[in-house]
Amino acid sequence: MKKILFSLILLISTMQLFAQDNGVEMADALRSNGKIYVVVICIVVILVGLLVYLFSLDKRLKKIEKRNDV
């Protein structure tokens, strides 16, 4: 029952997202001002930072697991 309810909530929330048209106008305004590149660079920097953090965390965890196995 919980899975069906959760699926229904997700379906309704995605229908809400398709109804929004003002996002395109905002993207056009950012593109016309040249600020879209700043947004893209910020997103890329955040994603690269997350990936670096996750890889370093994985490396540390592997080192700890190897030390505990011995």
PDB file of N, CA and C in Angstrom:
ATOM      1  N   MET A   1       0.817  -1.195   0.000  1.00  0.00           N
ATOM      2  CA  MET A   1       0.000   0.000   0.000  1.00  0.00           C
ATOM      3  C   MET A   1       0.857   1.253   0.000  1.00  0.00           C
ATOM      4  N   LYS A   2       1.955   1.203   0.773  1.00  0.00           N
ATOM      5  CA  LYS A   2       2.832   2.363   0.847  1.00  0.00           C
ATOM      6  C   LYS A   2       3.489   2.641  -0.505  1.00  0.00           C
ATOM      7  N   LYS A   3       3.846   1.572  -1.215  1.00  0.00           N
ATOM      8  CA  LYS A   3       4.480   1.752  -2.523  1.00  0.00           C
ATOM      9  C   LYS A   3       3.517   2.391  -3.513  1.00  0.00           C
ATOM     10  N   ILE A   4       2.277   1.989  -3.484  1.00  0.00           N
ATOM     11  CA  ILE A   4       1.282   2.557  -4.391  1.00  0.00           C
ATOM     12  C   ILE A   4       1.044   4.016  -4.063  1.00  0.00           C
ATOM     13  N   LEU A   5       0.935   4.336  -2.789  1.00  0.00           N
ATOM     14  CA  LEU A   5       0.728   5.722  -2.378  1.00  0.00           C
ATOM     15  C   LEU A   5       1.922   6.584  -2.754  1.00  0.00           C
ATOM     16  N   PHE A   6       3.119   6.079  -2.528  1.00  0.00           N
ATOM     17  CA  PHE A   6       4.330   6.811  -2.883  1.00  0.00           C
ATOM     18  C   PHE A   6       4.404   7.035  -4.394  1.00  0.00           C
ATOM     19  N   SER A   7       4.072   6.019  -5.177  1.00  0.00           N
ATOM     20  CA  SER A   7       4.071   6.148  -6.638  1.00  0.00           C
ATOM     21  C   SER A   7       3.046   7.178  -7.098  1.00  0.00           C
ATOM     22  N   LEU A   8       1.899   7.188  -6.470  1.00  0.00           N
ATOM     23  CA  LEU A   8       0.859   8.152  -6.811  1.00  0.00           C
ATOM     24  C   LEU A   8       1.302   9.583  -6.497  1.00  0.00           C
ATOM     25  N   ILE A   9       1.947   9.773  -5.366  1.00  0.00           N
ATOM     26  CA  ILE A   9       2.447  11.101  -5.004  1.00  0.00           C
ATOM     27  C   ILE A   9       3.509  11.563  -5.995  1.00  0.00           C
ATOM     28  N   LEU A  10       4.412  10.669  -6.376  1.00  0.00           N
ATOM     29  CA  LEU A  10       5.430  11.037  -7.358  1.00  0.00           C
ATOM     30  C   LEU A  10       4.810  11.368  -8.709  1.00  0.00           C
ATOM     31  N   LEU A  11       3.801  10.631  -9.106  1.00  0.00           N
ATOM     32  CA  LEU A  11       3.133  10.891 -10.374  1.00  0.00           C
ATOM     33  C   LEU A  11       2.465  12.256 -10.371  1.00  0.00           C
ATOM     34  N   ILE A  12       1.804  12.587  -9.288  1.00  0.00           N
ATOM     35  CA  ILE A  12       1.140  13.889  -9.181  1.00  0.00           C
ATOM     36  C   ILE A  12       2.163  15.018  -9.174  1.00  0.00           C
ATOM     37  N   SER A  13       3.283  14.821  -8.486  1.00  0.00           N
ATOM     38  CA  SER A  13       4.293  15.881  -8.432  1.00  0.00           C
ATOM     39  C   SER A  13       4.934  16.106  -9.793  1.00  0.00           C
ATOM     40  N   THR A  14       5.110  15.054 -10.596  1.00  0.00           N
ATOM     41  CA  THR A  14       5.679  15.258 -11.924  1.00  0.00           C
ATOM     42  C   THR A  14       4.685  15.956 -12.837  1.00  0.00           C
ATOM     43  N   MET A  15       3.406  15.732 -12.649  1.00  0.00           N
ATOM     44  CA  MET A  15       2.402  16.438 -13.449  1.00  0.00           C
ATOM     45  C   MET A  15       2.441  17.927 -13.142  1.00  0.00           C
ATOM     46  N   GLN A  16       2.699  18.279 -11.899  1.00  0.00           N
ATOM     47  CA  GLN A  16       2.820  19.675 -11.510  1.00  0.00           C
ATOM     48  C   GLN A  16       4.012  20.328 -12.204  1.00  0.00           C
ATOM     49  N   LEU A  17       5.093  19.592 -12.351  1.00  0.00           N
ATOM     50  CA  LEU A  17       6.293  20.154 -12.969  1.00  0.00           C
ATOM     51  C   LEU A  17       6.070  20.468 -14.442  1.00  0.00           C
ATOM     52  N   PHE A  18       5.287  19.665 -15.129  1.00  0.00           N
ATOM     53  CA  PHE A  18       5.046  19.911 -16.544  1.00  0.00           C
ATOM     54  C   PHE A  18       4.153  21.130 -16.764  1.00  0.00           C
ATOM     55  N   ALA A  19       3.418  21.528 -15.767  1.00  0.00           N
ATOM     56  CA  ALA A  19       2.500  22.647 -15.915  1.00  0.00           C
ATOM     57  C   ALA A  19       3.198  23.996 -15.808  1.00  0.00           C
ATOM     58  N   GLN A  20       4.449  24.028 -15.401  1.00  0.00           N
ATOM     59  CA  GLN A  20       5.149  25.296 -15.204  1.00  0.00           C
ATOM     60  C   GLN A  20       5.826  25.721 -16.504  1.00  0.00           C
ATOM     61  N   ASP A  21       5.445  26.893 -17.016  1.00  0.00           N
ATOM     62  CA  ASP A  21       6.035  27.414 -18.245  1.00  0.00           C
ATOM     63  C   ASP A  21       7.010  28.557 -17.984  1.00  0.00           C
ATOM     64  N   ASN A  22       7.037  29.106 -16.782  1.00  0.00           N
ATOM     65  CA  ASN A  22       7.875  30.268 -16.536  1.00  0.00           C
ATOM     66  C   ASN A  22       9.355  29.920 -16.467  1.00  0.00           C
ATOM     67  N   GLY A  23       9.732  28.672 -16.363  1.00  0.00           N
ATOM     68  CA  GLY A  23      11.130  28.274 -16.339  1.00  0.00           C
ATOM     69  C   GLY A  23      11.821  28.561 -17.652  1.00  0.00           C
ATOM     70  N   VAL A  24      11.100  28.458 -18.754  1.00  0.00           N
ATOM     71  CA  VAL A  24      11.672  28.723 -20.063  1.00  0.00           C
ATOM     72  C   VAL A  24      11.974  30.218 -20.210  1.00  0.00           C
ATOM     73  N   GLU A  25      11.095  31.044 -19.703  1.00  0.00           N
ATOM     74  CA  GLU A  25      11.327  32.483 -19.783  1.00  0.00           C
ATOM     75  C   GLU A  25      12.552  32.876 -18.977  1.00  0.00           C
ATOM     76  N   MET A  26      12.720  32.261 -17.819  1.00  0.00           N
ATOM     77  CA  MET A  26      13.883  32.560 -16.997  1.00  0.00           C
ATOM     78  C   MET A  26      15.161  32.129 -17.709  1.00  0.00           C
ATOM     79  N   ALA A  27      15.148  30.953 -18.325  1.00  0.00           N
ATOM     80  CA  ALA A  27      16.325  30.472 -19.047  1.00  0.00           C
ATOM     81  C   ALA A  27      16.634  31.382 -20.228  1.00  0.00           C
ATOM     82  N   ASP A  28      15.608  31.859 -20.925  1.00  0.00           N
ATOM     83  CA  ASP A  28      15.832  32.779 -22.040  1.00  0.00           C
ATOM     84  C   ASP A  28      16.442  34.091 -21.560  1.00  0.00           C
ATOM     85  N   ALA A  29      15.973  34.585 -20.410  1.00  0.00           N
ATOM     86  CA  ALA A  29      16.517  35.832 -19.874  1.00  0.00           C
ATOM     87  C   ALA A  29      17.967  35.639 -19.463  1.00  0.00           C
ATOM     88  N   LEU A  30      18.283  34.531 -18.827  1.00  0.00           N
ATOM     89  CA  LEU A  30      19.671  34.275 -18.438  1.00  0.00           C
ATOM     90  C   LEU A  30      20.563  34.105 -19.659  1.00  0.00           C
ATOM     91  N   ARG A  31      20.039  33.445 -20.680  1.00  0.00           N
ATOM     92  CA  ARG A  31      20.816  33.244 -21.895  1.00  0.00           C
ATOM     93  C   ARG A  31      21.055  34.559 -22.617  1.00  0.00           C
ATOM     94  N   SER A  32      20.070  35.423 -22.660  1.00  0.00           N
ATOM     95  CA  SER A  32      20.225  36.699 -23.368  1.00  0.00           C
ATOM     96  C   SER A  32      21.199  37.622 -22.647  1.00  0.00           C
ATOM     97  N   ASN A  33      21.278  37.510 -21.310  1.00  0.00           N
ATOM     98  CA  ASN A  33      22.215  38.333 -20.553  1.00  0.00           C
ATOM     99  C   ASN A  33      23.606  37.716 -20.459  1.00  0.00           C
ATOM    100  N   GLY A  34      23.746  36.478 -20.890  1.00  0.00           N
ATOM    101  CA  GLY A  34      25.029  35.792 -20.795  1.00  0.00           C
ATOM    102  C   GLY A  34      25.282  35.208 -19.428  1.00  0.00           C
ATOM    103  N   LYS A  35      24.306  35.237 -18.554  1.00  0.00           N
ATOM    104  CA  LYS A  35      24.485  34.729 -17.189  1.00  0.00           C
ATOM    105  C   LYS A  35      24.265  33.225 -17.091  1.00  0.00           C
ATOM    106  N   ILE A  36      23.775  32.613 -18.154  1.00  0.00           N
ATOM    107  CA  ILE A  36      23.540  31.178 -18.126  1.00  0.00           C
ATOM    108  C   ILE A  36      24.850  30.424 -17.962  1.00  0.00           C
ATOM    109  N   TYR A  37      25.934  31.011 -18.472  1.00  0.00           N
ATOM    110  CA  TYR A  37      27.233  30.371 -18.344  1.00  0.00           C
ATOM    111  C   TYR A  37      27.693  30.345 -16.886  1.00  0.00           C
ATOM    112  N   VAL A  38      27.363  31.373 -16.139  1.00  0.00           N
ATOM    113  CA  VAL A  38      27.695  31.395 -14.718  1.00  0.00           C
ATOM    114  C   VAL A  38      26.935  30.291 -13.988  1.00  0.00           C
ATOM    115  N   VAL A  39      25.687  30.109 -14.338  1.00  0.00           N
ATOM    116  CA  VAL A  39      24.874  29.064 -13.714  1.00  0.00           C
ATOM    117  C   VAL A  39      25.442  27.687 -14.038  1.00  0.00           C
ATOM    118  N   VAL A  40      25.801  27.484 -15.301  1.00  0.00           N
ATOM    119  CA  VAL A  40      26.350  26.189 -15.720  1.00  0.00           C
ATOM    120  C   VAL A  40      27.678  25.929 -15.022  1.00  0.00           C
ATOM    121  N   ILE A  41      28.526  26.936 -14.926  1.00  0.00           N
ATOM    122  CA  ILE A  41      29.824  26.769 -14.265  1.00  0.00           C
ATOM    123  C   ILE A  41      29.627  26.436 -12.787  1.00  0.00           C
ATOM    124  N   CYS A  42      28.680  27.094 -12.129  1.00  0.00           N
ATOM    125  CA  CYS A  42      28.409  26.795 -10.723  1.00  0.00           C
ATOM    126  C   CYS A  42      27.944  25.357 -10.544  1.00  0.00           C
ATOM    127  N   ILE A  43      27.069  24.898 -11.402  1.00  0.00           N
ATOM    128  CA  ILE A  43      26.579  23.523 -11.314  1.00  0.00           C
ATOM    129  C   ILE A  43      27.717  22.537 -11.536  1.00  0.00           C
ATOM    130  N   VAL A  44      28.574  22.815 -12.514  1.00  0.00           N
ATOM    131  CA  VAL A  44      29.701  21.927 -12.799  1.00  0.00           C
ATOM    132  C   VAL A  44      30.667  21.893 -11.614  1.00  0.00           C
ATOM    133  N   VAL A  45      30.951  23.054 -11.026  1.00  0.00           N
ATOM    134  CA  VAL A  45      31.866  23.105  -9.880  1.00  0.00           C
ATOM    135  C   VAL A  45      31.292  22.311  -8.706  1.00  0.00           C
ATOM    136  N   ILE A  46      30.011  22.442  -8.457  1.00  0.00           N
ATOM    137  CA  ILE A  46      29.380  21.699  -7.365  1.00  0.00           C
ATOM    138  C   ILE A  46      29.440  20.199  -7.626  1.00  0.00           C
ATOM    139  N   LEU A  47      29.129  19.778  -8.840  1.00  0.00           N
ATOM    140  CA  LEU A  47      29.163  18.348  -9.158  1.00  0.00           C
ATOM    141  C   LEU A  47      30.577  17.782  -9.090  1.00  0.00           C
ATOM    142  N   VAL A  48      31.561  18.531  -9.579  1.00  0.00           N
ATOM    143  CA  VAL A  48      32.947  18.064  -9.508  1.00  0.00           C
ATOM    144  C   VAL A  48      33.388  17.963  -8.050  1.00  0.00           C
ATOM    145  N   GLY A  49      33.009  18.939  -7.242  1.00  0.00           N
ATOM    146  CA  GLY A  49      33.340  18.886  -5.819  1.00  0.00           C
ATOM    147  C   GLY A  49      32.735  17.676  -5.142  1.00  0.00           C
ATOM    148  N   LEU A  50      31.474  17.372  -5.459  1.00  0.00           N
ATOM    149  CA  LEU A  50      30.837  16.176  -4.893  1.00  0.00           C
ATOM    150  C   LEU A  50      31.537  14.900  -5.339  1.00  0.00           C
ATOM    151  N   LEU A  51      31.902  14.833  -6.605  1.00  0.00           N
ATOM    152  CA  LEU A  51      32.585  13.638  -7.101  1.00  0.00           C
ATOM    153  C   LEU A  51      33.945  13.466  -6.439  1.00  0.00           C
ATOM    154  N   VAL A  52      34.697  14.541  -6.301  1.00  0.00           N
ATOM    155  CA  VAL A  52      36.002  14.459  -5.642  1.00  0.00           C
ATOM    156  C   VAL A  52      35.828  14.003  -4.196  1.00  0.00           C
ATOM    157  N   TYR A  53      34.841  14.556  -3.521  1.00  0.00           N
ATOM    158  CA  TYR A  53      34.587  14.163  -2.136  1.00  0.00           C
ATOM    159  C   TYR A  53      34.223  12.684  -2.043  1.00  0.00           C
ATOM    160  N   LEU A  54      33.354  12.219  -2.930  1.00  0.00           N
ATOM    161  CA  LEU A  54      32.936  10.814  -2.886  1.00  0.00           C
ATOM    162  C   LEU A  54      34.094   9.875  -3.197  1.00  0.00           C
ATOM    163  N   PHE A  55      34.936  10.228  -4.170  1.00  0.00           N
ATOM    164  CA  PHE A  55      36.079   9.372  -4.482  1.00  0.00           C
ATOM    165  C   PHE A  55      37.089   9.349  -3.340  1.00  0.00           C
ATOM    166  N   SER A  56      37.320  10.492  -2.701  1.00  0.00           N
ATOM    167  CA  SER A  56      38.249  10.504  -1.566  1.00  0.00           C
ATOM    168  C   SER A  56      37.674   9.715  -0.393  1.00  0.00           C
ATOM    169  N   LEU A  57      36.366   9.823  -0.174  1.00  0.00           N
ATOM    170  CA  LEU A  57      35.723   9.062   0.886  1.00  0.00           C
ATOM    171  C   LEU A  57      35.815   7.564   0.609  1.00  0.00           C
ATOM    172  N   ASP A  58      35.611   7.170  -0.640  1.00  0.00           N
ATOM    173  CA  ASP A  58      35.719   5.769  -1.014  1.00  0.00           C
ATOM    174  C   ASP A  58      37.138   5.264  -0.818  1.00  0.00           C
ATOM    175  N   LYS A  59      38.114   6.086  -1.162  1.00  0.00           N
ATOM    176  CA  LYS A  59      39.511   5.699  -0.996  1.00  0.00           C
ATOM    177  C   LYS A  59      39.843   5.486   0.482  1.00  0.00           C
ATOM    178  N   ARG A  60      39.367   6.399   1.336  1.00  0.00           N
ATOM    179  CA  ARG A  60      39.613   6.257   2.769  1.00  0.00           C
ATOM    180  C   ARG A  60      38.915   5.024   3.333  1.00  0.00           C
ATOM    181  N   LEU A  61      37.686   4.766   2.873  1.00  0.00           N
ATOM    182  CA  LEU A  61      36.957   3.586   3.353  1.00  0.00           C
ATOM    183  C   LEU A  61      37.650   2.290   2.935  1.00  0.00           C
ATOM    184  N   LYS A  62      38.163   2.256   1.714  1.00  0.00           N
ATOM    185  CA  LYS A  62      38.890   1.060   1.263  1.00  0.00           C
ATOM    186  C   LYS A  62      40.135   0.844   2.102  1.00  0.00           C
ATOM    187  N   LYS A  63      40.826   1.930   2.467  1.00  0.00           N
ATOM    188  CA  LYS A  63      42.027   1.821   3.295  1.00  0.00           C
ATOM    189  C   LYS A  63      41.664   1.267   4.685  1.00  0.00           C
ATOM    190  N   ILE A  64      40.550   1.768   5.252  1.00  0.00           N
ATOM    191  CA  ILE A  64      40.117   1.293   6.566  1.00  0.00           C
ATOM    192  C   ILE A  64      39.682  -0.162   6.495  1.00  0.00           C
ATOM    193  N   GLU A  65      38.958  -0.540   5.446  1.00  0.00           N
ATOM    194  CA  GLU A  65      38.524  -1.927   5.299  1.00  0.00           C
ATOM    195  C   GLU A  65      39.726  -2.864   5.134  1.00  0.00           C
ATOM    196  N   LYS A  66      40.718  -2.426   4.369  1.00  0.00           N
ATOM    197  CA  LYS A  66      41.895  -3.258   4.168  1.00  0.00           C
ATOM    198  C   LYS A  66      42.654  -3.422   5.485  1.00  0.00           C
ATOM    199  N   ARG A  67      42.727  -2.365   6.280  1.00  0.00           N
ATOM    200  CA  ARG A  67      43.428  -2.424   7.554  1.00  0.00           C
ATOM    201  C   ARG A  67      42.684  -3.353   8.532  1.00  0.00           C
ATOM    202  N   ASN A  68      41.360  -3.361   8.495  1.00  0.00           N
ATOM    203  CA  ASN A  68      40.583  -4.196   9.396  1.00  0.00           C
ATOM    204  C   ASN A  68      40.583  -5.665   8.981  1.00  0.00           C
ATOM    205  N   ASP A  69      40.777  -5.951   7.703  1.00  0.00           N
ATOM    206  CA  ASP A  69      40.801  -7.332   7.237  1.00  0.00           C
ATOM    207  C   ASP A  69      42.079  -8.051   7.672  1.00  0.00           C
ATOM    208  N   VAL A  70      43.130  -7.328   7.825  1.00  0.00           N
ATOM    209  CA  VAL A  70      44.436  -7.937   8.162  1.00  0.00           C
ATOM    210  C   VAL A  70      44.543  -8.258   9.590  1.00  0.00           C
TER     211      VAL A  70
END
